Amino acid sequence: MNYHGILSNSFHMYKNSPGLNNNRFTGPIPPSIGNLNNLSWLDLSDNQLSGPIPVSNPTAPGLDNLVTTKHFHLSNNQLSGSIRSQLFNSNMSLIHFIANNNQLSGLIPASIGSVQTLEVIRLDSNWLTGDVPQKLTELKSVNELHLSNNNLNWTYSRSLRNELTLLRVSWDMSSNSFEYSDIPAWFTLPSLTTILMGMTQLQGEIPSGVFQAQLERLYKG
């Protein structure tokens, strides 16, 4: 069945449906979804939803209340505005945060680093700006990080390399606004399996250490 129209604020009407992805829903994400305390999987991808990702306030719930939900799939919509820092907290059980192909803007909140269960983060193809928060290095379970096609920078420090050494991770940072700079030292992290850095204005020689045993794919462009 293909649904269309505005998602009802009485979201309990839909919670037993086979899925709300790949429909024609429009309008904002109802804050009342935050009342579904037993929801394990929220998939609203491939619709025409707009507006911000709702977070709780004194008069309304938000997605930050879904501490037992393991999947937020919000990709391929028209969501806009900033990702509020309140959306993430250390009590969450979130494994996937997938919100690529939207119109989200502003900074990536450092609070995302408090969700230790995260394995996949997809924020590619949005309008995000500023530095990638180093709090991401605290996510020891992440194996996919997709941040391409934004307007992001990455400030590298020695501590970053130390923190990321144990991770087996695929990084896609292509098509961002890195200033002209040498290839960063984290290219040689032994944990990296995929590095996608096309259209990032990096320059200089590719370090020999990048060709290590685990690397499966390298694209600099």
C-alpha atoms as a PDB file:
ATOM      1  CA  MET A   1       0.000   0.000   0.000  1.00  0.00           C
ATOM      2  CA  ASN A   2       1.239   3.482  -0.869  1.00  0.00           C
ATOM      3  CA  TYR A   3       0.301   6.219   1.617  1.00  0.00           C
ATOM      4  CA  HIS A   4       0.189   9.939   0.903  1.00  0.00           C
ATOM      5  CA  GLY A   5      -0.691  13.194   2.609  1.00  0.00           C
ATOM      6  CA  ILE A   6       0.402  14.650   5.924  1.00  0.00           C
ATOM      7  CA  LEU A   7       1.488  12.270   8.676  1.00  0.00           C
ATOM      8  CA  SER A   8      -1.123  12.362  11.433  1.00  0.00           C
ATOM      9  CA  ASN A   9      -0.105  13.736  14.810  1.00  0.00           C
ATOM     10  CA  SER A  10      -1.862  10.653  16.216  1.00  0.00           C
ATOM     11  CA  PHE A  11       1.043   8.519  15.118  1.00  0.00           C
ATOM     12  CA  HIS A  12      -0.288   5.398  16.869  1.00  0.00           C
ATOM     13  CA  MET A  13      -2.501   4.984  13.794  1.00  0.00           C
ATOM     14  CA  TYR A  14       0.570   4.012  11.766  1.00  0.00           C
ATOM     15  CA  LYS A  15       2.789   2.160  14.179  1.00  0.00           C
ATOM     16  CA  ASN A  16       1.531  -1.290  13.149  1.00  0.00           C
ATOM     17  CA  SER A  17       1.791  -0.593   9.414  1.00  0.00           C
ATOM     18  CA  PRO A  18       4.316  -2.569   7.322  1.00  0.00           C
ATOM     19  CA  GLY A  19       6.410   0.558   6.831  1.00  0.00           C
ATOM     20  CA  LEU A  20       6.158   4.281   6.226  1.00  0.00           C
ATOM     21  CA  ASN A  21       9.146   4.582   3.932  1.00  0.00           C
ATOM     22  CA  ASN A  22       8.810   5.057   0.185  1.00  0.00           C
ATOM     23  CA  ASN A  23       5.430   6.769   0.274  1.00  0.00           C
ATOM     24  CA  ARG A  24       4.245  10.288  -0.511  1.00  0.00           C
ATOM     25  CA  PHE A  25       3.979  11.743   2.969  1.00  0.00           C
ATOM     26  CA  THR A  26       4.379  15.511   3.150  1.00  0.00           C
ATOM     27  CA  GLY A  27       4.657  18.099   5.890  1.00  0.00           C
ATOM     28  CA  PRO A  28       6.641  17.906   9.131  1.00  0.00           C
ATOM     29  CA  ILE A  29       7.574  14.856  11.181  1.00  0.00           C
ATOM     30  CA  PRO A  30       4.951  14.718  13.965  1.00  0.00           C
ATOM     31  CA  PRO A  31       6.551  15.351  17.382  1.00  0.00           C
ATOM     32  CA  SER A  32       4.117  12.791  18.831  1.00  0.00           C
ATOM     33  CA  ILE A  33       6.339  10.038  17.424  1.00  0.00           C
ATOM     34  CA  GLY A  34       8.394  10.709  20.544  1.00  0.00           C
ATOM     35  CA  ASN A  35       5.624   9.100  22.617  1.00  0.00           C
ATOM     36  CA  LEU A  36       6.202   5.665  21.042  1.00  0.00           C
ATOM     37  CA  ASN A  37       8.468   4.374  23.780  1.00  0.00           C
ATOM     38  CA  ASN A  38       8.622   0.816  22.412  1.00  0.00           C
ATOM     39  CA  LEU A  39       9.453   1.753  18.824  1.00  0.00           C
ATOM     40  CA  SER A  40      12.521  -0.175  17.666  1.00  0.00           C
ATOM     41  CA  TRP A  41      12.742   1.083  14.076  1.00  0.00           C
ATOM     42  CA  LEU A  42      11.691   4.457  12.664  1.00  0.00           C
ATOM     43  CA  ASP A  43      11.814   4.479   8.869  1.00  0.00           C
ATOM     44  CA  LEU A  44      10.419   7.591   7.192  1.00  0.00           C
ATOM     45  CA  SER A  45      12.837   7.568   4.275  1.00  0.00           C
ATOM     46  CA  ASP A  46      11.869   8.247   0.663  1.00  0.00           C
ATOM     47  CA  ASN A  47       8.956  10.569   1.294  1.00  0.00           C
ATOM     48  CA  GLN A  48       8.471  14.330   0.903  1.00  0.00           C
ATOM     49  CA  LEU A  49       8.697  15.292   4.557  1.00  0.00           C
ATOM     50  CA  SER A  50       9.859  18.816   5.369  1.00  0.00           C
ATOM     51  CA  GLY A  51      10.807  20.996   8.303  1.00  0.00           C
ATOM     52  CA  PRO A  52      13.185  20.237  11.175  1.00  0.00           C
ATOM     53  CA  ILE A  53      13.803  16.957  12.981  1.00  0.00           C
ATOM     54  CA  PRO A  54      11.630  17.430  16.088  1.00  0.00           C
ATOM     55  CA  VAL A  55      13.106  17.403  19.586  1.00  0.00           C
ATOM     56  CA  SER A  56      11.231  17.638  22.860  1.00  0.00           C
ATOM     57  CA  ASN A  57      10.326  20.825  24.697  1.00  0.00           C
ATOM     58  CA  PRO A  58       8.208  21.526  27.796  1.00  0.00           C
ATOM     59  CA  THR A  59       4.982  21.168  25.820  1.00  0.00           C
ATOM     60  CA  ALA A  60       5.734  18.490  23.201  1.00  0.00           C
ATOM     61  CA  PRO A  61       7.766  15.282  22.770  1.00  0.00           C
ATOM     62  CA  GLY A  62      10.439  14.700  20.135  1.00  0.00           C
ATOM     63  CA  LEU A  63      12.682  12.032  18.659  1.00  0.00           C
ATOM     64  CA  ASP A  64      15.158  12.458  21.524  1.00  0.00           C
ATOM     65  CA  ASN A  65      12.606  10.643  23.708  1.00  0.00           C
ATOM     66  CA  LEU A  66      13.056   7.444  21.664  1.00  0.00           C
ATOM     67  CA  VAL A  67      15.916   6.089  23.756  1.00  0.00           C
ATOM     68  CA  THR A  68      15.213   2.427  22.907  1.00  0.00           C
ATOM     69  CA  THR A  69      14.836   2.971  19.141  1.00  0.00           C
ATOM     70  CA  LYS A  70      17.750   1.470  17.223  1.00  0.00           C
ATOM     71  CA  HIS A  71      17.184   2.946  13.761  1.00  0.00           C
ATOM     72  CA  PHE A  72      16.394   6.475  12.599  1.00  0.00           C
ATOM     73  CA  HIS A  73      16.029   6.311   8.800  1.00  0.00           C
ATOM     74  CA  LEU A  74      15.104   9.769   7.494  1.00  0.00           C
ATOM     75  CA  SER A  75      16.905   9.887   4.149  1.00  0.00           C
ATOM     76  CA  ASN A  76      15.568  11.194   0.839  1.00  0.00           C
ATOM     77  CA  ASN A  77      13.158  13.785   2.158  1.00  0.00           C
ATOM     78  CA  GLN A  78      13.177  17.596   2.297  1.00  0.00           C
ATOM     79  CA  LEU A  79      14.037  17.968   5.974  1.00  0.00           C
ATOM     80  CA  SER A  80      15.629  21.311   6.785  1.00  0.00           C
ATOM     81  CA  GLY A  81      17.007  23.399   9.608  1.00  0.00           C
ATOM     82  CA  SER A  82      19.747  22.505  12.044  1.00  0.00           C
ATOM     83  CA  ILE A  83      20.254  19.167  13.774  1.00  0.00           C
ATOM     84  CA  ARG A  84      19.617  20.102  17.391  1.00  0.00           C
ATOM     85  CA  SER A  85      22.186  18.936  19.932  1.00  0.00           C
ATOM     86  CA  GLN A  86      19.295  17.759  22.095  1.00  0.00           C
ATOM     87  CA  LEU A  87      18.498  15.052  19.527  1.00  0.00           C
ATOM     88  CA  PHE A  88      21.287  12.824  20.878  1.00  0.00           C
ATOM     89  CA  ASN A  89      22.001  11.639  24.412  1.00  0.00           C
ATOM     90  CA  SER A  90      23.973   8.914  26.158  1.00  0.00           C
ATOM     91  CA  ASN A  91      20.841   6.947  27.106  1.00  0.00           C
ATOM     92  CA  MET A  92      20.016   6.130  23.491  1.00  0.00           C
ATOM     93  CA  SER A  93      20.358   2.689  21.877  1.00  0.00           C
ATOM     94  CA  LEU A  94      20.622   4.099  18.350  1.00  0.00           C
ATOM     95  CA  ILE A  95      22.606   1.989  15.842  1.00  0.00           C
ATOM     96  CA  HIS A  96      21.784   3.771  12.562  1.00  0.00           C
ATOM     97  CA  PHE A  97      21.316   7.510  12.108  1.00  0.00           C
ATOM     98  CA  ILE A  98      20.612   7.910   8.402  1.00  0.00           C
ATOM     99  CA  ALA A  99      19.508  11.336   7.194  1.00  0.00           C
ATOM    100  CA  ASN A 100      21.271  11.748   3.859  1.00  0.00           C
ATOM    101  CA  ASN A 101      19.759  13.569   0.875  1.00  0.00           C
ATOM    102  CA  ASN A 102      17.900  16.247   2.784  1.00  0.00           C
ATOM    103  CA  GLN A 103      18.401  19.998   3.276  1.00  0.00           C
ATOM    104  CA  LEU A 104      19.754  19.916   6.820  1.00  0.00           C
ATOM    105  CA  SER A 105      22.013  22.865   7.607  1.00  0.00           C
ATOM    106  CA  GLY A 106      24.297  24.208  10.301  1.00  0.00           C
ATOM    107  CA  LEU A 107      26.774  22.270  12.411  1.00  0.00           C
ATOM    108  CA  ILE A 108      26.928  18.559  13.167  1.00  0.00           C
ATOM    109  CA  PRO A 109      26.198  18.570  16.915  1.00  0.00           C
ATOM    110  CA  ALA A 110      28.988  17.288  19.144  1.00  0.00           C
ATOM    111  CA  SER A 111      26.336  15.459  21.180  1.00  0.00           C
ATOM    112  CA  ILE A 112      26.236  12.746  18.505  1.00  0.00           C
ATOM    113  CA  GLY A 113      29.442  11.489  20.105  1.00  0.00           C
ATOM    114  CA  SER A 114      27.521  10.550  23.257  1.00  0.00           C
ATOM    115  CA  VAL A 115      25.571   7.743  21.519  1.00  0.00           C
ATOM    116  CA  GLN A 116      28.070   4.927  21.976  1.00  0.00           C
ATOM    117  CA  THR A 117      25.928   2.343  20.165  1.00  0.00           C
ATOM    118  CA  LEU A 118      26.088   4.087  16.777  1.00  0.00           C
ATOM    119  CA  GLU A 119      27.486   1.986  13.929  1.00  0.00           C
ATOM    120  CA  VAL A 120      26.362   3.871  10.810  1.00  0.00           C
ATOM    121  CA  ILE A 121      26.103   7.646  10.363  1.00  0.00           C
ATOM    122  CA  ARG A 122      24.882   9.063   7.052  1.00  0.00           C
ATOM    123  CA  LEU A 123      24.623  12.812   6.698  1.00  0.00           C
ATOM    124  CA  ASP A 124      25.848  13.054   3.125  1.00  0.00           C
ATOM    125  CA  SER A 125      24.187  15.364   0.596  1.00  0.00           C
ATOM    126  CA  ASN A 126      22.909  18.013   2.966  1.00  0.00           C
ATOM    127  CA  TRP A 127      23.858  21.661   3.563  1.00  0.00           C
ATOM    128  CA  LEU A 128      25.961  21.094   6.681  1.00  0.00           C
ATOM    129  CA  THR A 129      28.802  23.498   7.491  1.00  0.00           C
ATOM    130  CA  GLY A 130      31.642  23.982   9.961  1.00  0.00           C
ATOM    131  CA  ASP A 131      34.088  21.525  11.472  1.00  0.00           C
ATOM    132  CA  VAL A 132      33.359  17.828  11.855  1.00  0.00           C
ATOM    133  CA  PRO A 133      33.168  17.424  15.658  1.00  0.00           C
ATOM    134  CA  GLN A 134      36.046  15.479  17.179  1.00  0.00           C
ATOM    135  CA  LYS A 135      33.470  13.925  19.506  1.00  0.00           C
ATOM    136  CA  LEU A 136      32.898  11.513  16.623  1.00  0.00           C
ATOM    137  CA  THR A 137      36.166   9.866  17.643  1.00  0.00           C
ATOM    138  CA  GLU A 138      34.465   8.662  20.824  1.00  0.00           C
ATOM    139  CA  LEU A 139      32.166   6.381  18.824  1.00  0.00           C
ATOM    140  CA  LYS A 140      34.038   3.096  19.048  1.00  0.00           C
ATOM    141  CA  SER A 141      31.438   1.055  17.146  1.00  0.00           C
ATOM    142  CA  VAL A 142      31.122   3.206  14.020  1.00  0.00           C
ATOM    143  CA  ASN A 143      32.018   1.349  10.825  1.00  0.00           C
ATOM    144  CA  GLU A 144      30.469   3.709   8.262  1.00  0.00           C
ATOM    145  CA  LEU A 145      30.732   7.499   8.278  1.00  0.00           C
ATOM    146  CA  HIS A 146      29.269   9.298   5.245  1.00  0.00           C
ATOM    147  CA  LEU A 147      29.623  13.087   5.242  1.00  0.00           C
ATOM    148  CA  SER A 148      30.170  13.816   1.547  1.00  0.00           C
ATOM    149  CA  ASN A 149      28.521  16.622  -0.424  1.00  0.00           C
ATOM    150  CA  ASN A 150      28.285  19.153   2.367  1.00  0.00           C
ATOM    151  CA  ASN A 151      30.356  22.228   3.205  1.00  0.00           C
ATOM    152  CA  LEU A 152      32.384  20.693   6.034  1.00  0.00           C
ATOM    153  CA  ASN A 153      35.932  21.027   7.295  1.00  0.00           C
ATOM    154  CA  TRP A 154      37.957  18.521   9.289  1.00  0.00           C
ATOM    155  CA  THR A 155      40.434  19.818  11.856  1.00  0.00           C
ATOM    156  CA  TYR A 156      42.999  17.111  12.488  1.00  0.00           C
ATOM    157  CA  SER A 157      44.908  16.623  15.731  1.00  0.00           C
ATOM    158  CA  ARG A 158      47.287  13.978  17.030  1.00  0.00           C
ATOM    159  CA  SER A 159      44.674  12.808  19.522  1.00  0.00           C
ATOM    160  CA  LEU A 160      42.301  12.101  16.638  1.00  0.00           C
ATOM    161  CA  ARG A 161      44.631   9.503  15.184  1.00  0.00           C
ATOM    162  CA  ASN A 162      45.082   7.850  18.580  1.00  0.00           C
ATOM    163  CA  GLU A 163      41.339   7.684  19.188  1.00  0.00           C
ATOM    164  CA  LEU A 164      40.534   6.189  15.785  1.00  0.00           C
ATOM    165  CA  THR A 165      43.266   3.552  15.656  1.00  0.00           C
ATOM    166  CA  LEU A 166      41.029   0.711  16.828  1.00  0.00           C
ATOM    167  CA  LEU A 167      38.099   1.427  14.523  1.00  0.00           C
ATOM    168  CA  ARG A 168      37.412  -0.419  11.284  1.00  0.00           C
ATOM    169  CA  VAL A 169      35.650   2.289   9.370  1.00  0.00           C
ATOM    170  CA  SER A 170      34.674   3.487   5.914  1.00  0.00           C
ATOM    171  CA  TRP A 171      34.959   7.271   5.496  1.00  0.00           C
ATOM    172  CA  ASP A 172      33.333   9.294   2.734  1.00  0.00           C
ATOM    173  CA  MET A 173      34.353  12.949   3.020  1.00  0.00           C
ATOM    174  CA  SER A 174      34.250  13.770  -0.694  1.00  0.00           C
ATOM    175  CA  SER A 175      32.892  17.043  -2.089  1.00  0.00           C
ATOM    176  CA  ASN A 176      33.427  19.148   1.011  1.00  0.00           C
ATOM    177  CA  SER A 177      35.132  22.502   1.475  1.00  0.00           C
ATOM    178  CA  PHE A 178      38.548  21.558   2.816  1.00  0.00           C
ATOM    179  CA  GLU A 179      41.032  24.388   2.440  1.00  0.00           C
ATOM    180  CA  TYR A 180      44.022  23.630   0.245  1.00  0.00           C
ATOM    181  CA  SER A 181      46.162  21.441   2.455  1.00  0.00           C
ATOM    182  CA  ASP A 182      48.378  18.413   2.471  1.00  0.00           C
ATOM    183  CA  ILE A 183      46.811  14.995   2.764  1.00  0.00           C
ATOM    184  CA  PRO A 184      46.001  14.537   6.473  1.00  0.00           C
ATOM    185  CA  ALA A 185      47.901  12.023   8.576  1.00  0.00           C
ATOM    186  CA  TRP A 186      44.765  10.045   9.385  1.00  0.00           C
ATOM    187  CA  PHE A 187      44.933   8.676   5.830  1.00  0.00           C
ATOM    188  CA  THR A 188      47.351   6.101   7.253  1.00  0.00           C
ATOM    189  CA  LEU A 189      45.056   4.834   9.993  1.00  0.00           C
ATOM    190  CA  PRO A 190      45.306   1.020   9.998  1.00  0.00           C
ATOM    191  CA  SER A 191      41.575   0.761  10.675  1.00  0.00           C
ATOM    192  CA  LEU A 192      40.389   2.434   7.459  1.00  0.00           C
ATOM    193  CA  THR A 193      38.815   0.152   4.864  1.00  0.00           C
ATOM    194  CA  THR A 194      37.513   2.838   2.494  1.00  0.00           C
ATOM    195  CA  ILE A 195      38.645   6.436   1.912  1.00  0.00           C
ATOM    196  CA  LEU A 196      36.620   8.646  -0.444  1.00  0.00           C
ATOM    197  CA  MET A 197      38.030  12.182  -0.665  1.00  0.00           C
ATOM    198  CA  GLY A 198      37.187  13.355  -4.189  1.00  0.00           C
ATOM    199  CA  MET A 199      36.799  17.108  -4.790  1.00  0.00           C
ATOM    200  CA  THR A 200      38.257  18.208  -1.454  1.00  0.00           C
ATOM    201  CA  GLN A 201      41.229  20.321  -2.669  1.00  0.00           C
ATOM    202  CA  LEU A 202      43.820  18.138  -0.960  1.00  0.00           C
ATOM    203  CA  GLN A 203      47.312  18.296  -2.403  1.00  0.00           C
ATOM    204  CA  GLY A 204      50.727  16.686  -2.078  1.00  0.00           C
ATOM    205  CA  GLU A 205      51.953  13.119  -2.257  1.00  0.00           C
ATOM    206  CA  ILE A 206      49.827  10.183  -1.172  1.00  0.00           C
ATOM    207  CA  PRO A 207      51.587   8.750   1.905  1.00  0.00           C
ATOM    208  CA  SER A 208      52.881   5.221   1.426  1.00  0.00           C
ATOM    209  CA  GLY A 209      51.287   4.180   4.711  1.00  0.00           C
ATOM    210  CA  VAL A 210      47.844   4.506   3.159  1.00  0.00           C
ATOM    211  CA  PHE A 211      48.380   1.236   1.296  1.00  0.00           C
ATOM    212  CA  GLN A 212      47.929  -1.005   4.293  1.00  0.00           C
ATOM    213  CA  ALA A 213      46.356  -4.427   4.632  1.00  0.00           C
ATOM    214  CA  GLN A 214      42.769  -3.479   5.488  1.00  0.00           C
ATOM    215  CA  LEU A 215      42.301  -0.780   2.850  1.00  0.00           C
ATOM    216  CA  GLU A 216      39.801  -1.960   0.242  1.00  0.00           C
ATOM    217  CA  ARG A 217      38.990   1.257  -1.624  1.00  0.00           C
ATOM    218  CA  LEU A 218      40.745   4.614  -2.094  1.00  0.00           C
ATOM    219  CA  TYR A 219      39.415   7.488  -4.173  1.00  0.00           C
ATOM    220  CA  LYS A 220      41.021  10.917  -3.970  1.00  0.00           C
ATOM    221  CA  GLY A 221      39.730  12.400  -7.215  1.00  0.00           C
END
